[in-house]
Amino acid sequence: MAVTLWDHPLSPYAQKVKIALREKGVGFDTAVPGGIGVGGAAGDFVAANPRAEVPALIHDGVGIFDSTIILEYIEDAWPQPALLPTAPANRARVRMIEEVVDTHLEAVNWGLSELRWFRRAEGPLADTLTTRASQQVRGYFGWLERELGDREWFNGDTFGWGDLSVVPYVNGSVGHGIAPEPGSRLAAWLARANERPSVRETVAEAATTASSGGMGDVAKLLEQGLFKREYRDHRLEWMVKSGGLEVVSQGMARGNIRFTPDLA
C-alpha cells in the first residue's frame, strides 16, 4: 500500500486530510509541488489534480483531488475507526459544518493572509478589510459555538470528521490574532482538539514551515510577479464583498493573481 499526499503544510485543506490519515493510522509520504506559487505546477502533481491545488492523494496509483472527496475516499478505503457519525442526520450535520468552514471561514483567513503576508492593501483600505474580516471571524465563531452546543466534539461523543474539518481554520484565525473567547465552549473544544496527536503533529509541521522562512518575503515576490495567489470561488467573493475590488483589479493588471487553469 503506497500513499502519497501532495501537500503544503500551511494549507488547511491539506491539514484536515493529514489529520484524517493519522486518526486512521494510515502511513503516508508527503510531497510539495514545485511551481505552484507562480501558477506553473506541472508533471505528476497536475496529473493527479488538474486544478493544480493541494491536496491531492495518490493511493496505489489512483489519484484523488479535492479535500472533501479525499476525506470520503479515506473513509471508504480505511473504514475503521469511523470518522463520520452513525446517524444520517449527524453525518449530514458534520458535512454541512465542513462546507461552511471550507468555503467561508477559509476565505476570511485567506484574506487576512493577503493583507498580512502579501501586503495587498495599506492604509484605510487595509484597515477596512481587516476590520471586516475580524467581524466575520467572530460571526463564524458564534455559529460554530452554537453548532457545538453541549457536545464534547463537533462529531458528538468522539473526535471525527466535524472536528478535523474545523480545527485547521480556527487555528488559522488564532494565527491572525483572532481567538475564541476565553472560557467559551469553542475555546475549550480547541484546546482539546489541539492536544490530539494527529492534530498536534499537523500543527507542528505548519509551525515549522512558518518559522523556517517558508513564507519568505512573499510580498516582494508578489510585486515582482514571481508569486501569483489563487483567486477563485469563495476567496474572490470575500475580497469583492468586503470592499477589496480594487485589490482584485490591481492584481489582474499586475499579473500576480491567478484563477483555476483551463483543462486541456
C-alpha atoms as a PDB file:
ATOM      1  CA  MET A   1       0.000   0.000   0.000  1.00  0.00           C
ATOM      2  CA  ALA A   2       1.578   3.258  -1.134  1.00  0.00           C
ATOM      3  CA  VAL A   3       0.029   6.556  -0.043  1.00  0.00           C
ATOM      4  CA  THR A   4       1.421   9.924  -1.126  1.00  0.00           C
ATOM      5  CA  LEU A   5      -0.134  13.272  -0.299  1.00  0.00           C
ATOM      6  CA  TRP A   6       0.660  16.305  -2.404  1.00  0.00           C
ATOM      7  CA  ASP A   7       0.776  18.827   0.360  1.00  0.00           C
ATOM      8  CA  HIS A   8       1.730  22.216   1.651  1.00  0.00           C
ATOM      9  CA  PRO A   9       1.969  22.318   5.464  1.00  0.00           C
ATOM     10  CA  LEU A  10       0.232  25.722   5.629  1.00  0.00           C
ATOM     11  CA  SER A  11      -2.792  24.601   3.608  1.00  0.00           C
ATOM     12  CA  PRO A  12      -5.799  23.997   5.886  1.00  0.00           C
ATOM     13  CA  TYR A  13      -7.285  21.743   3.208  1.00  0.00           C
ATOM     14  CA  ALA A  14      -4.192  19.541   3.310  1.00  0.00           C
ATOM     15  CA  GLN A  15      -4.098  19.703   7.102  1.00  0.00           C
ATOM     16  CA  LYS A  16      -7.528  18.153   7.514  1.00  0.00           C
ATOM     17  CA  VAL A  17      -6.551  15.277   5.212  1.00  0.00           C
ATOM     18  CA  LYS A  18      -3.357  14.636   7.198  1.00  0.00           C
ATOM     19  CA  ILE A  19      -5.314  14.639  10.453  1.00  0.00           C
ATOM     20  CA  ALA A  20      -7.751  12.096   8.985  1.00  0.00           C
ATOM     21  CA  LEU A  21      -4.963   9.795   7.806  1.00  0.00           C
ATOM     22  CA  ARG A  22      -3.269   9.997  11.200  1.00  0.00           C
ATOM     23  CA  GLU A  23      -6.505   9.285  13.034  1.00  0.00           C
ATOM     24  CA  LYS A  24      -6.874   6.188  10.856  1.00  0.00           C
ATOM     25  CA  GLY A  25      -3.276   5.131  11.478  1.00  0.00           C
ATOM     26  CA  VAL A  26      -2.523   5.234   7.736  1.00  0.00           C
ATOM     27  CA  GLY A  27       1.125   5.845   6.915  1.00  0.00           C
ATOM     28  CA  PHE A  28       1.830   8.293   4.105  1.00  0.00           C
ATOM     29  CA  ASP A  29       4.549  10.286   2.409  1.00  0.00           C
ATOM     30  CA  THR A  30       4.191  13.951   1.512  1.00  0.00           C
ATOM     31  CA  ALA A  31       5.412  15.896  -1.491  1.00  0.00           C
ATOM     32  CA  VAL A  32       5.267  19.655  -2.015  1.00  0.00           C
ATOM     33  CA  PRO A  33       4.604  20.514  -5.673  1.00  0.00           C
ATOM     34  CA  GLY A  34       7.010  22.833  -7.401  1.00  0.00           C
ATOM     35  CA  GLY A  35       5.849  25.901  -9.285  1.00  0.00           C
ATOM     36  CA  ILE A  36       2.510  26.150  -7.540  1.00  0.00           C
ATOM     37  CA  GLY A  37       3.202  29.675  -6.252  1.00  0.00           C
ATOM     38  CA  VAL A  38       3.629  31.059  -9.748  1.00  0.00           C
ATOM     39  CA  GLY A  39       0.889  29.071 -11.410  1.00  0.00           C
ATOM     40  CA  GLY A  40       3.441  26.808 -13.093  1.00  0.00           C
ATOM     41  CA  ALA A  41       2.746  23.463 -11.452  1.00  0.00           C
ATOM     42  CA  ALA A  42       3.162  20.507 -13.772  1.00  0.00           C
ATOM     43  CA  GLY A  43       4.025  16.830 -14.005  1.00  0.00           C
ATOM     44  CA  ASP A  44       2.693  14.171 -11.652  1.00  0.00           C
ATOM     45  CA  PHE A  45       1.008  16.731  -9.409  1.00  0.00           C
ATOM     46  CA  VAL A  46      -1.156  18.187 -12.182  1.00  0.00           C
ATOM     47  CA  ALA A  47      -1.814  14.679 -13.462  1.00  0.00           C
ATOM     48  CA  ALA A  48      -3.311  13.942 -10.041  1.00  0.00           C
ATOM     49  CA  ASN A  49      -5.119  17.276  -9.735  1.00  0.00           C
ATOM     50  CA  PRO A  50      -5.740  19.274 -12.929  1.00  0.00           C
ATOM     51  CA  ARG A  51      -6.867  22.209 -10.780  1.00  0.00           C
ATOM     52  CA  ALA A  52      -3.250  22.443  -9.532  1.00  0.00           C
ATOM     53  CA  GLU A  53      -4.284  22.747  -5.897  1.00  0.00           C
ATOM     54  CA  VAL A  54      -3.192  20.889  -2.802  1.00  0.00           C
ATOM     55  CA  PRO A  55      -4.112  18.432  -1.505  1.00  0.00           C
ATOM     56  CA  ALA A  56      -4.074  15.525  -3.918  1.00  0.00           C
ATOM     57  CA  LEU A  57      -3.884  11.947  -2.683  1.00  0.00           C
ATOM     58  CA  ILE A  58      -2.208   9.094  -4.554  1.00  0.00           C
ATOM     59  CA  HIS A  59      -3.116   5.612  -3.313  1.00  0.00           C
ATOM     60  CA  ASP A  60      -1.706   2.629  -5.199  1.00  0.00           C
ATOM     61  CA  GLY A  61      -1.508   4.685  -8.365  1.00  0.00           C
ATOM     62  CA  VAL A  62      -5.008   6.192  -8.096  1.00  0.00           C
ATOM     63  CA  GLY A  63      -5.183   9.994  -7.843  1.00  0.00           C
ATOM     64  CA  ILE A  64      -7.914  11.807  -5.891  1.00  0.00           C
ATOM     65  CA  PHE A  65      -8.277  15.559  -5.530  1.00  0.00           C
ATOM     66  CA  ASP A  66     -10.489  17.950  -3.544  1.00  0.00           C
ATOM     67  CA  SER A  67     -10.121  17.674   0.214  1.00  0.00           C
ATOM     68  CA  THR A  68     -13.727  16.616   0.840  1.00  0.00           C
ATOM     69  CA  ILE A  69     -13.601  13.907  -1.823  1.00  0.00           C
ATOM     70  CA  ILE A  70     -10.281  12.758  -0.356  1.00  0.00           C
ATOM     71  CA  LEU A  71     -11.881  12.500   3.100  1.00  0.00           C
ATOM     72  CA  GLU A  72     -14.691  10.437   1.599  1.00  0.00           C
ATOM     73  CA  TYR A  73     -12.147   8.182  -0.101  1.00  0.00           C
ATOM     74  CA  ILE A  74     -10.215   7.742   3.141  1.00  0.00           C
ATOM     75  CA  GLU A  75     -13.413   6.766   4.939  1.00  0.00           C
ATOM     76  CA  ASP A  76     -14.220   4.227   2.211  1.00  0.00           C
ATOM     77  CA  ALA A  77     -10.704   2.796   1.954  1.00  0.00           C
ATOM     78  CA  TRP A  78      -9.993   2.616   5.691  1.00  0.00           C
ATOM     79  CA  PRO A  79     -13.392   2.459   7.414  1.00  0.00           C
ATOM     80  CA  GLN A  80     -12.029   1.968  10.951  1.00  0.00           C
ATOM     81  CA  PRO A  81     -12.002   3.910  13.107  1.00  0.00           C
ATOM     82  CA  ALA A  82     -15.009   5.664  11.620  1.00  0.00           C
ATOM     83  CA  LEU A  83     -14.701   9.436  11.348  1.00  0.00           C
ATOM     84  CA  LEU A  84     -18.315  10.074  10.362  1.00  0.00           C
ATOM     85  CA  PRO A  85     -21.143   9.716  12.918  1.00  0.00           C
ATOM     86  CA  THR A  86     -23.519   6.782  12.542  1.00  0.00           C
ATOM     87  CA  ALA A  87     -26.884   8.546  12.223  1.00  0.00           C
ATOM     88  CA  PRO A  88     -27.655  10.032   8.787  1.00  0.00           C
ATOM     89  CA  ALA A  89     -28.728  13.366  10.293  1.00  0.00           C
ATOM     90  CA  ASN A  90     -25.470  13.686  12.203  1.00  0.00           C
ATOM     91  CA  ARG A  91     -23.441  12.713   9.161  1.00  0.00           C
ATOM     92  CA  ALA A  92     -25.158  15.472   7.228  1.00  0.00           C
ATOM     93  CA  ARG A  93     -24.616  17.914  10.112  1.00  0.00           C
ATOM     94  CA  VAL A  94     -20.829  17.496  10.184  1.00  0.00           C
ATOM     95  CA  ARG A  95     -20.630  17.652   6.399  1.00  0.00           C
ATOM     96  CA  MET A  96     -22.505  20.953   6.465  1.00  0.00           C
ATOM     97  CA  ILE A  97     -20.114  22.268   9.116  1.00  0.00           C
ATOM     98  CA  GLU A  98     -17.224  21.270   6.869  1.00  0.00           C
ATOM     99  CA  GLU A  99     -18.806  23.061   3.920  1.00  0.00           C
ATOM    100  CA  VAL A 100     -19.194  26.294   5.874  1.00  0.00           C
ATOM    101  CA  VAL A 101     -15.633  26.415   7.184  1.00  0.00           C
ATOM    102  CA  ASP A 102     -14.193  25.287   3.833  1.00  0.00           C
ATOM    103  CA  THR A 103     -15.942  27.970   1.824  1.00  0.00           C
ATOM    104  CA  HIS A 104     -16.478  30.832   4.293  1.00  0.00           C
ATOM    105  CA  LEU A 105     -14.092  30.848   7.243  1.00  0.00           C
ATOM    106  CA  GLU A 106     -11.224  29.738   4.989  1.00  0.00           C
ATOM    107  CA  ALA A 107     -11.865  32.713   2.746  1.00  0.00           C
ATOM    108  CA  VAL A 108     -11.627  35.181   5.633  1.00  0.00           C
ATOM    109  CA  ASN A 109      -8.370  33.665   6.878  1.00  0.00           C
ATOM    110  CA  TRP A 110      -7.049  33.701   3.329  1.00  0.00           C
ATOM    111  CA  GLY A 111      -7.998  37.364   3.013  1.00  0.00           C
ATOM    112  CA  LEU A 112      -6.143  38.173   6.224  1.00  0.00           C
ATOM    113  CA  SER A 113      -3.092  36.416   4.762  1.00  0.00           C
ATOM    114  CA  GLU A 114      -3.388  38.605   1.676  1.00  0.00           C
ATOM    115  CA  LEU A 115      -3.103  41.616   3.951  1.00  0.00           C
ATOM    116  CA  ARG A 116      -0.570  40.315   6.466  1.00  0.00           C
ATOM    117  CA  TRP A 117       1.870  38.380   4.299  1.00  0.00           C
ATOM    118  CA  PHE A 118       1.280  39.711   0.809  1.00  0.00           C
ATOM    119  CA  ARG A 119       0.508  43.319   1.730  1.00  0.00           C
ATOM    120  CA  ARG A 120      -2.191  43.631  -0.894  1.00  0.00           C
ATOM    121  CA  ALA A 121      -3.504  46.810   0.676  1.00  0.00           C
ATOM    122  CA  GLU A 122      -2.283  49.517   3.034  1.00  0.00           C
ATOM    123  CA  GLY A 123      -3.776  52.465   4.860  1.00  0.00           C
ATOM    124  CA  PRO A 124      -7.566  52.913   5.029  1.00  0.00           C
ATOM    125  CA  LEU A 125      -8.320  50.043   2.643  1.00  0.00           C
ATOM    126  CA  ALA A 126      -6.245  47.611   4.700  1.00  0.00           C
ATOM    127  CA  ASP A 127      -7.947  48.866   7.874  1.00  0.00           C
ATOM    128  CA  THR A 128     -11.388  48.391   6.321  1.00  0.00           C
ATOM    129  CA  LEU A 129     -10.640  44.861   5.143  1.00  0.00           C
ATOM    130  CA  THR A 130      -9.018  43.852   8.438  1.00  0.00           C
ATOM    131  CA  THR A 131     -11.929  45.185  10.486  1.00  0.00           C
ATOM    132  CA  ARG A 132     -14.441  43.464   8.266  1.00  0.00           C
ATOM    133  CA  ALA A 133     -12.523  40.182   8.457  1.00  0.00           C
ATOM    134  CA  SER A 134     -12.355  40.313  12.249  1.00  0.00           C
ATOM    135  CA  GLN A 135     -16.105  40.859  12.452  1.00  0.00           C
ATOM    136  CA  GLN A 136     -16.731  37.957  10.094  1.00  0.00           C
ATOM    137  CA  VAL A 137     -14.483  35.577  12.025  1.00  0.00           C
ATOM    138  CA  ARG A 138     -16.311  36.446  15.242  1.00  0.00           C
ATOM    139  CA  GLY A 139     -19.581  35.699  13.481  1.00  0.00           C
ATOM    140  CA  TYR A 140     -18.381  32.284  12.371  1.00  0.00           C
ATOM    141  CA  PHE A 141     -17.061  31.557  15.854  1.00  0.00           C
ATOM    142  CA  GLY A 142     -20.526  32.289  17.204  1.00  0.00           C
ATOM    143  CA  TRP A 143     -22.090  29.965  14.643  1.00  0.00           C
ATOM    144  CA  LEU A 144     -19.590  27.217  15.468  1.00  0.00           C
ATOM    145  CA  GLU A 145     -20.286  27.638  19.173  1.00  0.00           C
ATOM    146  CA  ARG A 146     -23.984  27.081  18.522  1.00  0.00           C
ATOM    147  CA  GLU A 147     -23.269  24.069  16.314  1.00  0.00           C
ATOM    148  CA  LEU A 148     -21.057  22.581  19.028  1.00  0.00           C
ATOM    149  CA  GLY A 149     -23.719  23.094  21.679  1.00  0.00           C
ATOM    150  CA  ASP A 150     -23.224  20.797  24.656  1.00  0.00           C
ATOM    151  CA  ARG A 151     -21.266  18.200  22.696  1.00  0.00           C
ATOM    152  CA  GLU A 152     -17.695  17.401  23.609  1.00  0.00           C
ATOM    153  CA  TRP A 153     -16.833  17.201  19.919  1.00  0.00           C
ATOM    154  CA  PHE A 154     -18.469  18.519  16.773  1.00  0.00           C
ATOM    155  CA  ASN A 155     -18.808  14.863  15.790  1.00  0.00           C
ATOM    156  CA  GLY A 156     -20.592  14.008  19.058  1.00  0.00           C
ATOM    157  CA  ASP A 157     -19.001  11.776  21.696  1.00  0.00           C
ATOM    158  CA  THR A 158     -15.778  11.191  19.788  1.00  0.00           C
ATOM    159  CA  PHE A 159     -13.391  13.248  17.676  1.00  0.00           C
ATOM    160  CA  GLY A 160     -14.101  12.895  13.983  1.00  0.00           C
ATOM    161  CA  TRP A 161     -14.912  14.442  10.622  1.00  0.00           C
ATOM    162  CA  GLY A 162     -16.548  17.575  12.011  1.00  0.00           C
ATOM    163  CA  ASP A 163     -13.610  18.298  14.297  1.00  0.00           C
ATOM    164  CA  LEU A 164     -10.757  17.688  11.881  1.00  0.00           C
ATOM    165  CA  SER A 165     -12.586  19.892   9.381  1.00  0.00           C
ATOM    166  CA  VAL A 166     -12.898  22.815  11.791  1.00  0.00           C
ATOM    167  CA  VAL A 167      -9.606  22.808  13.689  1.00  0.00           C
ATOM    168  CA  PRO A 168      -7.309  23.983  10.840  1.00  0.00           C
ATOM    169  CA  TYR A 169      -9.466  27.047  10.258  1.00  0.00           C
ATOM    170  CA  VAL A 170      -9.926  28.060  13.883  1.00  0.00           C
ATOM    171  CA  ASN A 171      -6.184  27.645  14.392  1.00  0.00           C
ATOM    172  CA  GLY A 172      -5.694  29.760  11.284  1.00  0.00           C
ATOM    173  CA  SER A 173      -7.790  32.558  12.750  1.00  0.00           C
ATOM    174  CA  VAL A 174      -5.845  32.313  16.000  1.00  0.00           C
ATOM    175  CA  GLY A 175      -2.679  32.747  13.968  1.00  0.00           C
ATOM    176  CA  HIS A 176      -4.088  36.039  12.749  1.00  0.00           C
ATOM    177  CA  GLY A 177      -4.750  37.143  16.310  1.00  0.00           C
ATOM    178  CA  ILE A 178      -8.453  36.271  16.468  1.00  0.00           C
ATOM    179  CA  ALA A 179      -9.118  33.568  19.064  1.00  0.00           C
ATOM    180  CA  PRO A 180     -12.312  32.145  20.554  1.00  0.00           C
ATOM    181  CA  GLU A 181     -13.442  33.962  23.687  1.00  0.00           C
ATOM    182  CA  PRO A 182     -11.648  32.651  26.795  1.00  0.00           C
ATOM    183  CA  GLY A 183     -13.939  30.357  28.752  1.00  0.00           C
ATOM    184  CA  SER A 184     -16.180  29.689  25.756  1.00  0.00           C
ATOM    185  CA  ARG A 185     -17.166  26.176  24.692  1.00  0.00           C
ATOM    186  CA  LEU A 186     -15.348  26.741  21.418  1.00  0.00           C
ATOM    187  CA  ALA A 187     -12.132  27.685  23.231  1.00  0.00           C
ATOM    188  CA  ALA A 188     -12.362  24.557  25.397  1.00  0.00           C
ATOM    189  CA  TRP A 189     -13.012  22.414  22.312  1.00  0.00           C
ATOM    190  CA  LEU A 190      -9.997  23.941  20.528  1.00  0.00           C
ATOM    191  CA  ALA A 191      -7.729  23.135  23.471  1.00  0.00           C
ATOM    192  CA  ARG A 192      -8.943  19.526  23.462  1.00  0.00           C
ATOM    193  CA  ALA A 193      -8.557  19.191  19.701  1.00  0.00           C
ATOM    194  CA  ASN A 194      -5.031  20.603  19.690  1.00  0.00           C
ATOM    195  CA  GLU A 195      -3.984  18.014  22.268  1.00  0.00           C
ATOM    196  CA  ARG A 196      -4.764  15.113  19.955  1.00  0.00           C
ATOM    197  CA  PRO A 197      -1.572  13.591  18.494  1.00  0.00           C
ATOM    198  CA  SER A 198      -2.942  13.780  14.943  1.00  0.00           C
ATOM    199  CA  VAL A 199      -3.641  17.499  15.281  1.00  0.00           C
ATOM    200  CA  ARG A 200      -0.515  18.280  17.284  1.00  0.00           C
ATOM    201  CA  GLU A 201       1.758  16.727  14.647  1.00  0.00           C
ATOM    202  CA  THR A 202      -0.025  18.516  11.814  1.00  0.00           C
ATOM    203  CA  VAL A 203       0.104  21.882  13.597  1.00  0.00           C
ATOM    204  CA  ALA A 204       3.818  21.371  14.353  1.00  0.00           C
ATOM    205  CA  GLU A 205       4.527  20.859  10.641  1.00  0.00           C
ATOM    206  CA  ALA A 206       2.806  24.118   9.801  1.00  0.00           C
ATOM    207  CA  ALA A 207       4.644  25.964  12.578  1.00  0.00           C
ATOM    208  CA  THR A 208       8.000  24.626  11.382  1.00  0.00           C
ATOM    209  CA  THR A 209       7.300  25.785   7.836  1.00  0.00           C
ATOM    210  CA  ALA A 210       6.276  29.253   9.013  1.00  0.00           C
ATOM    211  CA  SER A 211       9.200  29.703  11.413  1.00  0.00           C
ATOM    212  CA  SER A 212      11.814  28.413   8.974  1.00  0.00           C
ATOM    213  CA  GLY A 213      11.047  31.123   6.464  1.00  0.00           C
ATOM    214  CA  GLY A 214       8.628  29.048   4.460  1.00  0.00           C
ATOM    215  CA  MET A 215       6.731  32.197   3.554  1.00  0.00           C
ATOM    216  CA  GLY A 216       9.828  34.291   2.840  1.00  0.00           C
ATOM    217  CA  ASP A 217       9.368  37.835   1.590  1.00  0.00           C
ATOM    218  CA  VAL A 218       6.345  36.851  -0.447  1.00  0.00           C
ATOM    219  CA  ALA A 219       5.146  40.454  -0.740  1.00  0.00           C
ATOM    220  CA  LYS A 220       8.328  41.317  -2.635  1.00  0.00           C
ATOM    221  CA  LEU A 221       7.971  38.244  -4.830  1.00  0.00           C
ATOM    222  CA  LEU A 222       4.367  39.216  -5.473  1.00  0.00           C
ATOM    223  CA  GLU A 223       5.358  42.731  -6.524  1.00  0.00           C
ATOM    224  CA  GLN A 224       7.921  41.263  -8.919  1.00  0.00           C
ATOM    225  CA  GLY A 225       5.335  38.966 -10.443  1.00  0.00           C
ATOM    226  CA  LEU A 226       7.164  35.895  -9.143  1.00  0.00           C
ATOM    227  CA  PHE A 227       4.259  34.785  -6.959  1.00  0.00           C
ATOM    228  CA  LYS A 228       0.629  34.507  -8.001  1.00  0.00           C
ATOM    229  CA  ARG A 229      -2.114  33.993  -5.465  1.00  0.00           C
ATOM    230  CA  GLU A 230      -5.131  31.962  -6.465  1.00  0.00           C
ATOM    231  CA  TYR A 231      -8.373  33.949  -6.545  1.00  0.00           C
ATOM    232  CA  ARG A 232     -11.420  31.805  -7.180  1.00  0.00           C
ATOM    233  CA  ASP A 233     -14.828  30.944  -5.829  1.00  0.00           C
ATOM    234  CA  HIS A 234     -15.265  31.939  -2.193  1.00  0.00           C
ATOM    235  CA  ARG A 235     -11.949  33.819  -1.995  1.00  0.00           C
ATOM    236  CA  LEU A 236     -12.815  36.130  -4.855  1.00  0.00           C
ATOM    237  CA  GLU A 237     -16.269  36.632  -3.380  1.00  0.00           C
ATOM    238  CA  TRP A 238     -14.796  37.544   0.013  1.00  0.00           C
ATOM    239  CA  MET A 239     -12.427  40.125  -1.404  1.00  0.00           C
ATOM    240  CA  VAL A 240     -15.135  41.787  -3.518  1.00  0.00           C
ATOM    241  CA  LYS A 241     -17.911  41.803  -0.913  1.00  0.00           C
ATOM    242  CA  SER A 242     -15.567  43.017   1.832  1.00  0.00           C
ATOM    243  CA  GLY A 243     -14.507  46.082  -0.129  1.00  0.00           C
ATOM    244  CA  GLY A 244     -11.397  44.871  -1.935  1.00  0.00           C
ATOM    245  CA  LEU A 245     -12.459  45.113  -5.583  1.00  0.00           C
ATOM    246  CA  GLU A 246      -9.502  47.469  -6.047  1.00  0.00           C
ATOM    247  CA  VAL A 247      -7.182  44.690  -4.863  1.00  0.00           C
ATOM    248  CA  VAL A 248      -8.581  42.342  -7.496  1.00  0.00           C
ATOM    249  CA  SER A 249      -8.317  44.844 -10.342  1.00  0.00           C
ATOM    250  CA  GLN A 250      -4.756  45.777  -9.399  1.00  0.00           C
ATOM    251  CA  GLY A 251      -3.751  42.137  -9.099  1.00  0.00           C
ATOM    252  CA  MET A 252      -5.136  41.360 -12.542  1.00  0.00           C
ATOM    253  CA  ALA A 253      -3.384  44.378 -14.038  1.00  0.00           C
ATOM    254  CA  ARG A 254      -0.074  43.368 -12.453  1.00  0.00           C
ATOM    255  CA  GLY A 255      -0.475  39.706 -13.290  1.00  0.00           C
ATOM    256  CA  ASN A 256       0.044  38.478  -9.731  1.00  0.00           C
ATOM    257  CA  ILE A 257      -3.249  36.737  -9.198  1.00  0.00           C
ATOM    258  CA  ARG A 258      -4.375  33.571 -10.895  1.00  0.00           C
ATOM    259  CA  PHE A 259      -7.517  31.539 -11.377  1.00  0.00           C
ATOM    260  CA  THR A 260      -8.179  27.833 -11.892  1.00  0.00           C
ATOM    261  CA  PRO A 261      -6.391  26.704 -15.076  1.00  0.00           C
ATOM    262  CA  ASP A 262      -8.405  25.602 -18.059  1.00  0.00           C
ATOM    263  CA  LEU A 263      -8.391  21.865 -18.601  1.00  0.00           C
ATOM    264  CA  ALA A 264      -6.711  20.712 -21.790  1.00  0.00           C
END
